[in-house]
C-alpha atoms as a PDB file:
ATOM      1  CA  MET A   1     103.842 -36.348-141.057  1.00  0.00           C
ATOM      2  CA  PRO A   2     100.952 -38.409-142.557  1.00  0.00           C
ATOM      3  CA  GLN A   3     101.146 -42.164-141.949  1.00  0.00           C
ATOM      4  CA  PRO A   4      99.829 -44.961-144.200  1.00  0.00           C
ATOM      5  CA  GLY A   5      96.350 -46.311-143.639  1.00  0.00           C
ATOM      6  CA  ASP A   6      97.512 -49.928-143.925  1.00  0.00           C
ATOM      7  CA  TRP A   7     100.637 -51.772-142.787  1.00  0.00           C
ATOM      8  CA  THR A   8     100.812 -54.979-144.789  1.00  0.00           C
ATOM      9  CA  GLN A   9     104.274 -56.428-144.146  1.00  0.00           C
ATOM     10  CA  PHE A  10     107.197 -56.513-141.749  1.00  0.00           C
ATOM     11  CA  ARG A  11     108.482 -52.971-141.124  1.00  0.00           C
ATOM     12  CA  LEU A  12     106.165 -51.515-143.777  1.00  0.00           C
ATOM     13  CA  ASN A  13     108.296 -51.922-146.909  1.00  0.00           C
ATOM     14  CA  PRO A  14     110.635 -54.448-148.569  1.00  0.00           C
ATOM     15  CA  GLN A  15     113.690 -52.398-147.511  1.00  0.00           C
ATOM     16  CA  HIS A  16     112.660 -52.590-143.792  1.00  0.00           C
ATOM     17  CA  ASP A  17     113.337 -48.848-143.731  1.00  0.00           C
ATOM     18  CA  ALA A  18     110.253 -47.612-141.859  1.00  0.00           C
ATOM     19  CA  THR A  19     111.929 -44.414-140.660  1.00  0.00           C
ATOM     20  CA  LEU A  20     110.002 -41.305-139.629  1.00  0.00           C
ATOM     21  CA  LEU A  21     111.041 -37.669-139.540  1.00  0.00           C
ATOM     22  CA  GLY A  22     111.584 -36.263-136.049  1.00  0.00           C
ATOM     23  CA  ASP A  23     114.089 -35.815-133.264  1.00  0.00           C
ATOM     24  CA  LEU A  24     115.287 -38.065-130.445  1.00  0.00           C
ATOM     25  CA  ARG A  25     113.335 -36.462-127.607  1.00  0.00           C
ATOM     26  CA  VAL A  26     111.056 -38.728-125.569  1.00  0.00           C
ATOM     27  CA  SER A  27     107.561 -37.433-126.309  1.00  0.00           C
ATOM     28  CA  TRP A  28     105.649 -39.897-124.138  1.00  0.00           C
ATOM     29  CA  ARG A  29     106.126 -43.050-122.100  1.00  0.00           C
ATOM     30  CA  VAL A  30     103.727 -45.968-121.488  1.00  0.00           C
ATOM     31  CA  GLN A  31     104.146 -48.701-118.878  1.00  0.00           C
ATOM     32  CA  THR A  32     103.387 -52.096-120.420  1.00  0.00           C
ATOM     33  CA  ASP A  33     103.230 -55.717-119.253  1.00  0.00           C
ATOM     34  CA  GLY A  34     106.523 -56.970-120.725  1.00  0.00           C
ATOM     35  CA  GLY A  35     109.406 -56.496-123.094  1.00  0.00           C
ATOM     36  CA  TYR A  36     109.192 -56.510-126.875  1.00  0.00           C
ATOM     37  CA  SER A  37     110.386 -58.785-129.639  1.00  0.00           C
ATOM     38  CA  SER A  38     107.971 -57.273-132.165  1.00  0.00           C
ATOM     39  CA  SER A  39     108.197 -54.160-134.296  1.00  0.00           C
ATOM     40  CA  PRO A  40     105.351 -51.616-134.136  1.00  0.00           C
ATOM     41  CA  ALA A  41     102.897 -50.830-136.924  1.00  0.00           C
ATOM     42  CA  ILE A  42     101.741 -47.237-137.386  1.00  0.00           C
ATOM     43  CA  ALA A  43      98.511 -46.605-139.283  1.00  0.00           C
ATOM     44  CA  GLY A  44      97.033 -43.118-139.336  1.00  0.00           C
ATOM     45  CA  ASP A  45      97.505 -41.744-135.820  1.00  0.00           C
ATOM     46  CA  THR A  46      97.641 -45.101-134.012  1.00  0.00           C
ATOM     47  CA  VAL A  47     100.591 -47.269-132.989  1.00  0.00           C
ATOM     48  CA  TYR A  48      99.929 -51.016-132.725  1.00  0.00           C
ATOM     49  CA  ILE A  49     102.421 -53.257-130.928  1.00  0.00           C
ATOM     50  CA  GLY A  50     102.307 -56.650-129.240  1.00  0.00           C
ATOM     51  CA  SER A  51     104.326 -57.489-126.117  1.00  0.00           C
ATOM     52  CA  ASN A  52     106.137 -60.600-124.952  1.00  0.00           C
ATOM     53  CA  GLY A  53     103.658 -60.542-122.071  1.00  0.00           C
ATOM     54  CA  GLY A  54     100.888 -61.257-124.578  1.00  0.00           C
ATOM     55  CA  THR A  55      99.175 -57.860-124.797  1.00  0.00           C
ATOM     56  CA  LEU A  56      98.335 -56.055-128.020  1.00  0.00           C
ATOM     57  CA  TYR A  57      98.259 -52.282-127.527  1.00  0.00           C
ATOM     58  CA  ALA A  58      96.665 -49.560-129.644  1.00  0.00           C
ATOM     59  CA  LEU A  59      98.318 -46.268-128.662  1.00  0.00           C
ATOM     60  CA  ASP A  60      97.709 -42.683-129.705  1.00  0.00           C
ATOM     61  CA  LEU A  61     100.716 -41.762-131.858  1.00  0.00           C
ATOM     62  CA  HIS A  62     100.942 -38.232-130.450  1.00  0.00           C
ATOM     63  CA  THR A  63     100.192 -38.773-126.745  1.00  0.00           C
ATOM     64  CA  GLY A  64     100.817 -42.450-126.037  1.00  0.00           C
ATOM     65  CA  ASN A  65      97.337 -42.814-124.528  1.00  0.00           C
ATOM     66  CA  VAL A  66      96.119 -46.417-124.627  1.00  0.00           C
ATOM     67  CA  ARG A  67      93.071 -46.520-126.897  1.00  0.00           C
ATOM     68  CA  TRP A  68      92.511 -50.205-126.299  1.00  0.00           C
ATOM     69  CA  HIS A  69      94.422 -53.348-125.368  1.00  0.00           C
ATOM     70  CA  TYR A  70      93.834 -57.082-125.602  1.00  0.00           C
ATOM     71  CA  HIS A  71      95.576 -59.778-123.570  1.00  0.00           C
ATOM     72  CA  ALA A  72      96.262 -63.046-125.425  1.00  0.00           C
ATOM     73  CA  GLY A  73      97.259 -66.423-124.038  1.00  0.00           C
ATOM     74  CA  THR A  74     100.955 -66.116-124.861  1.00  0.00           C
ATOM     75  CA  ALA A  75     103.523 -63.772-126.423  1.00  0.00           C
ATOM     76  CA  LEU A  76     102.740 -61.527-129.409  1.00  0.00           C
ATOM     77  CA  MET A  77     106.123 -61.264-131.143  1.00  0.00           C
ATOM     78  CA  ALA A  78     105.091 -60.552-134.740  1.00  0.00           C
ATOM     79  CA  ASN A  79     104.879 -57.116-136.308  1.00  0.00           C
ATOM     80  CA  PRO A  80     101.102 -56.430-136.348  1.00  0.00           C
ATOM     81  CA  LEU A  81      99.513 -55.979-139.766  1.00  0.00           C
ATOM     82  CA  VAL A  82      96.841 -53.361-140.426  1.00  0.00           C
ATOM     83  CA  TRP A  83      94.417 -54.028-143.258  1.00  0.00           C
ATOM     84  CA  ASN A  84      90.924 -52.880-144.198  1.00  0.00           C
ATOM     85  CA  GLY A  85      89.996 -51.795-140.676  1.00  0.00           C
ATOM     86  CA  LEU A  86      91.581 -54.835-138.990  1.00  0.00           C
ATOM     87  CA  VAL A  87      94.720 -55.389-136.931  1.00  0.00           C
ATOM     88  CA  ILE A  88      96.207 -58.891-137.325  1.00  0.00           C
ATOM     89  CA  ALA A  89      98.652 -60.213-134.714  1.00  0.00           C
ATOM     90  CA  GLY A  90     100.707 -63.403-134.552  1.00  0.00           C
ATOM     91  CA  GLU A  91     100.529 -65.323-131.260  1.00  0.00           C
ATOM     92  CA  GLY A  92     103.123 -67.884-130.120  1.00  0.00           C
ATOM     93  CA  ASN A  93     106.323 -68.221-128.153  1.00  0.00           C
ATOM     94  CA  GLN A  94     109.924 -68.999-129.139  1.00  0.00           C
ATOM     95  CA  GLN A  95     110.191 -72.329-127.293  1.00  0.00           C
ATOM     96  CA  TRP A  96     110.927 -75.390-129.425  1.00  0.00           C
ATOM     97  CA  VAL A  97     110.485 -79.161-129.217  1.00  0.00           C
ATOM     98  CA  TRP A  98     111.838 -82.003-131.330  1.00  0.00           C
ATOM     99  CA  GLY A  99     109.502 -82.895-134.173  1.00  0.00           C
ATOM    100  CA  ASP A 100     109.547 -85.856-136.565  1.00  0.00           C
ATOM    101  CA  ARG A 101     111.496 -86.973-139.634  1.00  0.00           C
ATOM    102  CA  TYR A 102     109.855 -84.266-141.731  1.00  0.00           C
ATOM    103  CA  HIS A 103     109.884 -81.457-139.132  1.00  0.00           C
ATOM    104  CA  LYS A 104     113.051 -81.777-137.067  1.00  0.00           C
ATOM    105  CA  ILE A 105     112.104 -78.932-134.734  1.00  0.00           C
ATOM    106  CA  VAL A 106     108.723 -77.325-134.075  1.00  0.00           C
ATOM    107  CA  VAL A 107     108.753 -73.805-132.608  1.00  0.00           C
ATOM    108  CA  GLY A 108     105.789 -72.701-130.503  1.00  0.00           C
ATOM    109  CA  THR A 109     104.607 -74.693-127.487  1.00  0.00           C
ATOM    110  CA  LYS A 110     101.469 -72.771-126.423  1.00  0.00           C
ATOM    111  CA  ASP A 111      98.537 -70.943-128.039  1.00  0.00           C
ATOM    112  CA  ASN A 112      99.847 -70.583-131.589  1.00  0.00           C
ATOM    113  CA  ALA A 113      97.435 -68.494-133.661  1.00  0.00           C
ATOM    114  CA  LEU A 114      96.659 -65.538-135.881  1.00  0.00           C
ATOM    115  CA  LEU A 115      94.342 -63.038-134.176  1.00  0.00           C
ATOM    116  CA  ALA A 116      92.335 -60.275-135.877  1.00  0.00           C
ATOM    117  CA  PHE A 117      90.764 -57.258-134.167  1.00  0.00           C
ATOM    118  CA  ASP A 118      88.725 -54.221-135.106  1.00  0.00           C
ATOM    119  CA  ALA A 119      91.376 -51.531-135.492  1.00  0.00           C
ATOM    120  CA  LYS A 120      89.280 -48.820-133.797  1.00  0.00           C
ATOM    121  CA  THR A 121      87.689 -50.725-130.920  1.00  0.00           C
ATOM    122  CA  GLY A 122      89.903 -53.774-130.350  1.00  0.00           C
ATOM    123  CA  ARG A 123      86.918 -56.102-130.615  1.00  0.00           C
ATOM    124  CA  PRO A 124      88.077 -59.619-131.658  1.00  0.00           C
ATOM    125  CA  ARG A 125      86.983 -60.444-135.199  1.00  0.00           C
ATOM    126  CA  TRP A 126      88.529 -63.851-135.954  1.00  0.00           C
ATOM    127  CA  ARG A 127      91.114 -66.355-134.726  1.00  0.00           C
ATOM    128  CA  LEU A 128      92.984 -69.057-136.681  1.00  0.00           C
ATOM    129  CA  ALA A 129      94.897 -71.706-134.730  1.00  0.00           C
ATOM    130  CA  LEU A 130      98.350 -72.581-136.097  1.00  0.00           C
ATOM    131  CA  ALA A 131     100.397 -75.769-135.764  1.00  0.00           C
ATOM    132  CA  GLY A 132     103.515 -73.734-134.896  1.00  0.00           C
ATOM    133  CA  THR A 133     104.265 -70.312-133.532  1.00  0.00           C
ATOM    134  CA  GLY A 134     102.706 -67.235-135.099  1.00  0.00           C
ATOM    135  CA  MET A 135     105.852 -65.296-134.160  1.00  0.00           C
ATOM    136  CA  PRO A 136     107.033 -64.983-137.815  1.00  0.00           C
ATOM    137  CA  THR A 137     105.431 -61.918-139.373  1.00  0.00           C
ATOM    138  CA  GLY A 138     103.075 -62.612-142.253  1.00  0.00           C
ATOM    139  CA  ALA A 139     102.263 -60.299-145.143  1.00  0.00           C
ATOM    140  CA  ILE A 140      99.268 -59.388-147.256  1.00  0.00           C
ATOM    141  CA  VAL A 141     100.104 -59.887-150.923  1.00  0.00           C
ATOM    142  CA  ALA A 142      97.532 -59.533-153.731  1.00  0.00           C
ATOM    143  CA  GLY A 143      94.738 -59.509-151.132  1.00  0.00           C
ATOM    144  CA  THR A 144      95.940 -62.751-149.515  1.00  0.00           C
ATOM    145  CA  LEU A 145      97.333 -63.048-145.981  1.00  0.00           C
ATOM    146  CA  ILE A 146     100.358 -65.371-146.015  1.00  0.00           C
ATOM    147  CA  GLN A 147     101.764 -66.924-142.842  1.00  0.00           C
ATOM    148  CA  HIS A 148     104.746 -69.310-142.482  1.00  0.00           C
ATOM    149  CA  ASN A 149     104.613 -70.777-138.971  1.00  0.00           C
ATOM    150  CA  GLY A 150     107.012 -72.531-136.632  1.00  0.00           C
ATOM    151  CA  ALA A 151     105.839 -76.003-137.674  1.00  0.00           C
ATOM    152  CA  GLY A 152     106.843 -75.416-141.293  1.00  0.00           C
ATOM    153  CA  LEU A 153     103.319 -74.900-142.649  1.00  0.00           C
ATOM    154  CA  LEU A 154     102.528 -72.105-145.090  1.00  0.00           C
ATOM    155  CA  THR A 155      98.945 -70.842-144.815  1.00  0.00           C
ATOM    156  CA  LEU A 156      97.260 -68.581-147.368  1.00  0.00           C
ATOM    157  CA  LEU A 157      94.014 -67.062-146.099  1.00  0.00           C
ATOM    158  CA  ASP A 158      91.479 -64.287-146.521  1.00  0.00           C
ATOM    159  CA  PRO A 159      92.596 -61.454-144.213  1.00  0.00           C
ATOM    160  CA  ASN A 160      89.021 -60.190-143.844  1.00  0.00           C
ATOM    161  CA  ASP A 161      87.561 -63.283-142.163  1.00  0.00           C
ATOM    162  CA  GLY A 162      90.443 -65.732-141.633  1.00  0.00           C
ATOM    163  CA  ALA A 163      89.078 -68.293-144.102  1.00  0.00           C
ATOM    164  CA  VAL A 164      91.901 -70.616-145.221  1.00  0.00           C
ATOM    165  CA  ARG A 165      92.495 -70.809-148.965  1.00  0.00           C
ATOM    166  CA  TYR A 166      95.565 -73.098-149.022  1.00  0.00           C
ATOM    167  CA  THR A 167      97.856 -74.831-146.550  1.00  0.00           C
ATOM    168  CA  LEU A 168     101.213 -76.161-147.769  1.00  0.00           C
ATOM    169  CA  ASP A 169     103.792 -78.135-145.786  1.00  0.00           C
ATOM    170  CA  LEU A 170     107.170 -76.574-146.615  1.00  0.00           C
ATOM    171  CA  ARG A 171     109.031 -78.828-144.154  1.00  0.00           C
ATOM    172  CA  THR A 172     111.160 -75.889-143.121  1.00  0.00           C
ATOM    173  CA  GLY A 173     110.130 -74.012-139.989  1.00  0.00           C
ATOM    174  CA  ALA A 174     109.998 -70.235-139.591  1.00  0.00           C
ATOM    175  CA  ASN A 175     110.918 -68.510-136.346  1.00  0.00           C
ATOM    176  CA  MET A 176     111.565 -64.750-136.354  1.00  0.00           C
ATOM    177  CA  SER A 177     111.665 -64.584-140.151  1.00  0.00           C
ATOM    178  CA  ALA A 178     108.987 -62.803-142.180  1.00  0.00           C
ATOM    179  CA  ILE A 179     107.115 -63.109-145.445  1.00  0.00           C
ATOM    180  CA  LEU A 180     108.739 -60.734-147.948  1.00  0.00           C
ATOM    181  CA  PRO A 181     106.504 -59.429-150.804  1.00  0.00           C
ATOM    182  CA  LEU A 182     108.393 -59.165-154.118  1.00  0.00           C
ATOM    183  CA  GLY A 183     105.804 -57.631-156.457  1.00  0.00           C
ATOM    184  CA  ASN A 184     103.975 -59.339-159.324  1.00  0.00           C
ATOM    185  CA  GLU A 185     101.980 -61.385-156.767  1.00  0.00           C
ATOM    186  CA  ARG A 186     105.141 -63.092-155.519  1.00  0.00           C
ATOM    187  CA  PHE A 187     106.795 -63.447-152.140  1.00  0.00           C
ATOM    188  CA  ALA A 188     109.843 -64.998-150.481  1.00  0.00           C
ATOM    189  CA  THR A 189     110.051 -66.947-147.236  1.00  0.00           C
ATOM    190  CA  SER A 190     112.808 -68.736-145.341  1.00  0.00           C
ATOM    191  CA  GLY A 191     113.145 -71.375-142.650  1.00  0.00           C
ATOM    192  CA  ALA A 192     115.408 -73.870-140.899  1.00  0.00           C
ATOM    193  CA  PHE A 193     115.610 -77.680-140.687  1.00  0.00           C
ATOM    194  CA  GLU A 194     116.223 -77.702-143.603  1.00  0.00           C
ATOM    195  CA  ASN A 195     117.777 -74.306-144.260  1.00  0.00           C
ATOM    196  CA  ARG A 196     115.934 -73.010-147.281  1.00  0.00           C
ATOM    197  CA  ILE A 197     114.741 -69.837-149.023  1.00  0.00           C
ATOM    198  CA  GLU A 198     111.876 -69.995-151.499  1.00  0.00           C
ATOM    199  CA  GLN A 199     109.994 -67.706-153.854  1.00  0.00           C
ATOM    200  CA  ARG A 200     106.310 -68.533-154.349  1.00  0.00           C
ATOM    201  CA  ASN A 201     103.123 -67.282-155.968  1.00  0.00           C
ATOM    202  CA  ALA A 202     100.771 -65.431-153.597  1.00  0.00           C
ATOM    203  CA  ARG A 203      97.585 -66.618-155.292  1.00  0.00           C
ATOM    204  CA  ASN A 204      98.094 -70.357-154.807  1.00  0.00           C
ATOM    205  CA  GLY A 205     101.472 -70.840-153.099  1.00  0.00           C
ATOM    206  CA  SER A 206     103.036 -72.526-156.141  1.00  0.00           C
ATOM    207  CA  LEU A 207     106.842 -72.716-156.100  1.00  0.00           C
ATOM    208  CA  ILE A 208     108.859 -70.434-158.382  1.00  0.00           C
ATOM    209  CA  TRP A 209     112.340 -71.339-157.082  1.00  0.00           C
ATOM    210  CA  SER A 210     113.966 -72.826-153.998  1.00  0.00           C
ATOM    211  CA  ARG A 211     117.513 -72.464-152.627  1.00  0.00           C
ATOM    212  CA  SER A 212     118.801 -74.843-149.918  1.00  0.00           C
ATOM    213  CA  PHE A 213     121.830 -74.327-147.681  1.00  0.00           C
ATOM    214  CA  SER A 214     124.073 -76.543-145.569  1.00  0.00           C
ATOM    215  CA  GLU A 215     122.890 -77.517-142.087  1.00  0.00           C
ATOM    216  CA  GLU A 216     126.137 -75.931-140.898  1.00  0.00           C
ATOM    217  CA  TYR A 217     124.591 -72.511-141.606  1.00  0.00           C
ATOM    218  CA  TRP A 218     122.341 -71.013-138.930  1.00  0.00           C
ATOM    219  CA  GLY A 219     119.929 -68.100-138.873  1.00  0.00           C
ATOM    220  CA  PHE A 220     117.717 -68.508-141.939  1.00  0.00           C
ATOM    221  CA  ALA A 221     114.652 -69.028-139.727  1.00  0.00           C
ATOM    222  CA  ASP A 222     115.604 -65.981-137.636  1.00  0.00           C
ATOM    223  CA  CYS A 223     116.438 -63.482-140.368  1.00  0.00           C
ATOM    224  CA  PRO A 224     113.714 -61.488-142.168  1.00  0.00           C
ATOM    225  CA  PHE A 225     115.218 -60.953-145.614  1.00  0.00           C
ATOM    226  CA  ALA A 226     115.081 -57.487-147.228  1.00  0.00           C
ATOM    227  CA  THR A 227     115.088 -56.561-150.910  1.00  0.00           C
ATOM    228  CA  ASN A 228     115.894 -53.658-153.224  1.00  0.00           C
ATOM    229  CA  GLY A 229     113.835 -55.204-156.026  1.00  0.00           C
ATOM    230  CA  ARG A 230     116.798 -56.995-157.613  1.00  0.00           C
ATOM    231  CA  ALA A 231     118.268 -59.150-154.847  1.00  0.00           C
ATOM    232  CA  LEU A 232     117.337 -60.641-151.469  1.00  0.00           C
ATOM    233  CA  PHE A 233     119.622 -59.676-148.580  1.00  0.00           C
ATOM    234  CA  GLY A 234     120.070 -61.575-145.338  1.00  0.00           C
ATOM    235  CA  ASP A 235     122.641 -62.981-142.958  1.00  0.00           C
ATOM    236  CA  TYR A 236     123.595 -66.176-141.147  1.00  0.00           C
ATOM    237  CA  VAL A 237     126.331 -67.646-138.974  1.00  0.00           C
ATOM    238  CA  THR A 238     128.582 -70.620-139.546  1.00  0.00           C
ATOM    239  CA  ALA A 239     131.419 -72.227-137.643  1.00  0.00           C
ATOM    240  CA  PRO A 240     134.945 -70.833-138.067  1.00  0.00           C
ATOM    241  CA  PRO A 241     137.130 -72.990-140.341  1.00  0.00           C
ATOM    242  CA  GLY A 242     138.319 -76.160-138.612  1.00  0.00           C
ATOM    243  CA  THR A 243     135.705 -76.117-135.831  1.00  0.00           C
ATOM    244  CA  SER A 244     132.440 -77.958-135.273  1.00  0.00           C
ATOM    245  CA  LYS A 245     129.025 -76.647-136.253  1.00  0.00           C
ATOM    246  CA  VAL A 246     127.353 -73.725-134.476  1.00  0.00           C
ATOM    247  CA  PHE A 247     124.249 -74.260-132.379  1.00  0.00           C
ATOM    248  CA  HIS A 248     124.604 -73.225-128.757  1.00  0.00           C
ATOM    249  CA  ALA A 249     124.826 -69.628-127.594  1.00  0.00           C
ATOM    250  CA  GLY A 250     128.328 -68.561-126.620  1.00  0.00           C
ATOM    251  CA  ARG A 251     130.183 -70.562-129.237  1.00  0.00           C
ATOM    252  CA  ASN A 252     132.275 -68.677-131.755  1.00  0.00           C
ATOM    253  CA  ALA A 253     130.846 -68.200-135.220  1.00  0.00           C
ATOM    254  CA  VAL A 254     131.488 -66.212-138.379  1.00  0.00           C
ATOM    255  CA  GLU A 255     128.688 -63.857-139.379  1.00  0.00           C
ATOM    256  CA  HIS A 256     127.944 -63.758-143.117  1.00  0.00           C
ATOM    257  CA  ALA A 257     125.944 -61.267-145.176  1.00  0.00           C
ATOM    258  CA  ILE A 258     124.424 -62.802-148.294  1.00  0.00           C
ATOM    259  CA  ALA A 259     122.649 -61.644-151.451  1.00  0.00           C
ATOM    260  CA  LEU A 260     120.469 -63.851-153.678  1.00  0.00           C
ATOM    261  CA  SER A 261     119.091 -63.040-157.124  1.00  0.00           C
ATOM    262  CA  ILE A 262     115.324 -62.516-157.107  1.00  0.00           C
ATOM    263  CA  ALA A 263     115.168 -63.978-160.610  1.00  0.00           C
ATOM    264  CA  ASP A 264     116.432 -67.465-159.782  1.00  0.00           C
ATOM    265  CA  GLY A 265     117.696 -67.599-156.174  1.00  0.00           C
ATOM    266  CA  LYS A 266     121.349 -67.917-157.160  1.00  0.00           C
ATOM    267  CA  ILE A 267     123.932 -66.485-154.775  1.00  0.00           C
ATOM    268  CA  VAL A 268     125.110 -63.057-156.002  1.00  0.00           C
ATOM    269  CA  TRP A 269     127.629 -62.658-153.183  1.00  0.00           C
ATOM    270  CA  ASP A 270     128.360 -64.098-149.731  1.00  0.00           C
ATOM    271  CA  THR A 271     130.610 -61.963-147.526  1.00  0.00           C
ATOM    272  CA  PRO A 272     132.113 -63.127-144.185  1.00  0.00           C
ATOM    273  CA  LEU A 273     132.010 -60.437-141.503  1.00  0.00           C
ATOM    274  CA  GLU A 274     133.307 -60.627-137.919  1.00  0.00           C
ATOM    275  CA  THR A 275     133.943 -63.707-135.779  1.00  0.00           C
ATOM    276  CA  GLY A 276     132.622 -63.817-132.217  1.00  0.00           C
ATOM    277  CA  PRO A 277     130.348 -65.618-129.721  1.00  0.00           C
ATOM    278  CA  VAL A 278     126.730 -66.241-130.710  1.00  0.00           C
ATOM    279  CA  PRO A 279     124.335 -64.315-128.417  1.00  0.00           C
ATOM    280  CA  VAL A 280     121.388 -66.008-126.701  1.00  0.00           C
ATOM    281  CA  TRP A 281     118.372 -66.301-129.067  1.00  0.00           C
ATOM    282  CA  ASN A 282     120.240 -64.480-131.849  1.00  0.00           C
ATOM    283  CA  ARG A 283     121.941 -66.086-134.832  1.00  0.00           C
ATOM    284  CA  ALA A 284     121.006 -63.472-137.413  1.00  0.00           C
ATOM    285  CA  ALA A 285     120.095 -59.798-137.589  1.00  0.00           C
ATOM    286  CA  ILE A 286     117.504 -57.733-139.436  1.00  0.00           C
ATOM    287  CA  PRO A 287     118.854 -56.178-142.649  1.00  0.00           C
ATOM    288  CA  LEU A 288     117.828 -52.635-143.574  1.00  0.00           C
ATOM    289  CA  ILE A 289     118.383 -50.929-146.930  1.00  0.00           C
ATOM    290  CA  ALA A 290     118.790 -47.155-147.055  1.00  0.00           C
ATOM    291  CA  GLY A 291     119.479 -45.841-150.549  1.00  0.00           C
ATOM    292  CA  ASP A 292     122.299 -47.985-151.956  1.00  0.00           C
ATOM    293  CA  THR A 293     123.555 -49.093-148.516  1.00  0.00           C
ATOM    294  CA  LEU A 294     122.757 -52.388-146.779  1.00  0.00           C
END
């Protein structure tokens, strides 16, 4: 089936429902240099995906043949974006260090950057160094590339040449979260320390609304929110009643699914799910909307 020419946000659409028609047979197999924390982007007949080993691959959609590859200095964990003949990848690892009074934790300890390549040849086109990891997936909204990095900085730039238009210090760091376009030149982003979700204007980054959460809630930096156009949907973990806060893997936590109004950020509903141990590196999951089901 025909694929889009551009891929401008995490998992293609605000519902994160980038499903394709087909069956479950293995059509091809490619040996790569590491595991994957990223999602692929498919534009035309090419699959773009970055590995935890730091290699960006361009693969033939039908055969799996490697058209080109580029090895970066560290992991490529973001969903690549495809725009106007370019592929844009986020570079940076998941390691964290203590920050300062304004940035309690900074994620990304080596070679944090946005990298742009010619989509056909893989030739590097531009590179923008970031203060924190480029692991969170950016988005292109109203012709502007928006990136929220692991140091809590929001950067708005020209996706064609990497020229920075604005940089704002949100003082809330992103990790595996993603910029979520909302239409009308708006977007949402989330982070931790402090736990916060915001809606902003894509032209200049100006704040439309902000919603903060208790430090006892974990996962807002890890969870890419999804939307059906009326509400934002995500999830987080918190300690079971009568126990101390959740931080370390293996401790019991209650998973919550949450919905926020796009209009003003107010909580529409917050539903506790199961209780169980927190897995390593995982405090939240990726929501997906299919029809009227979350």
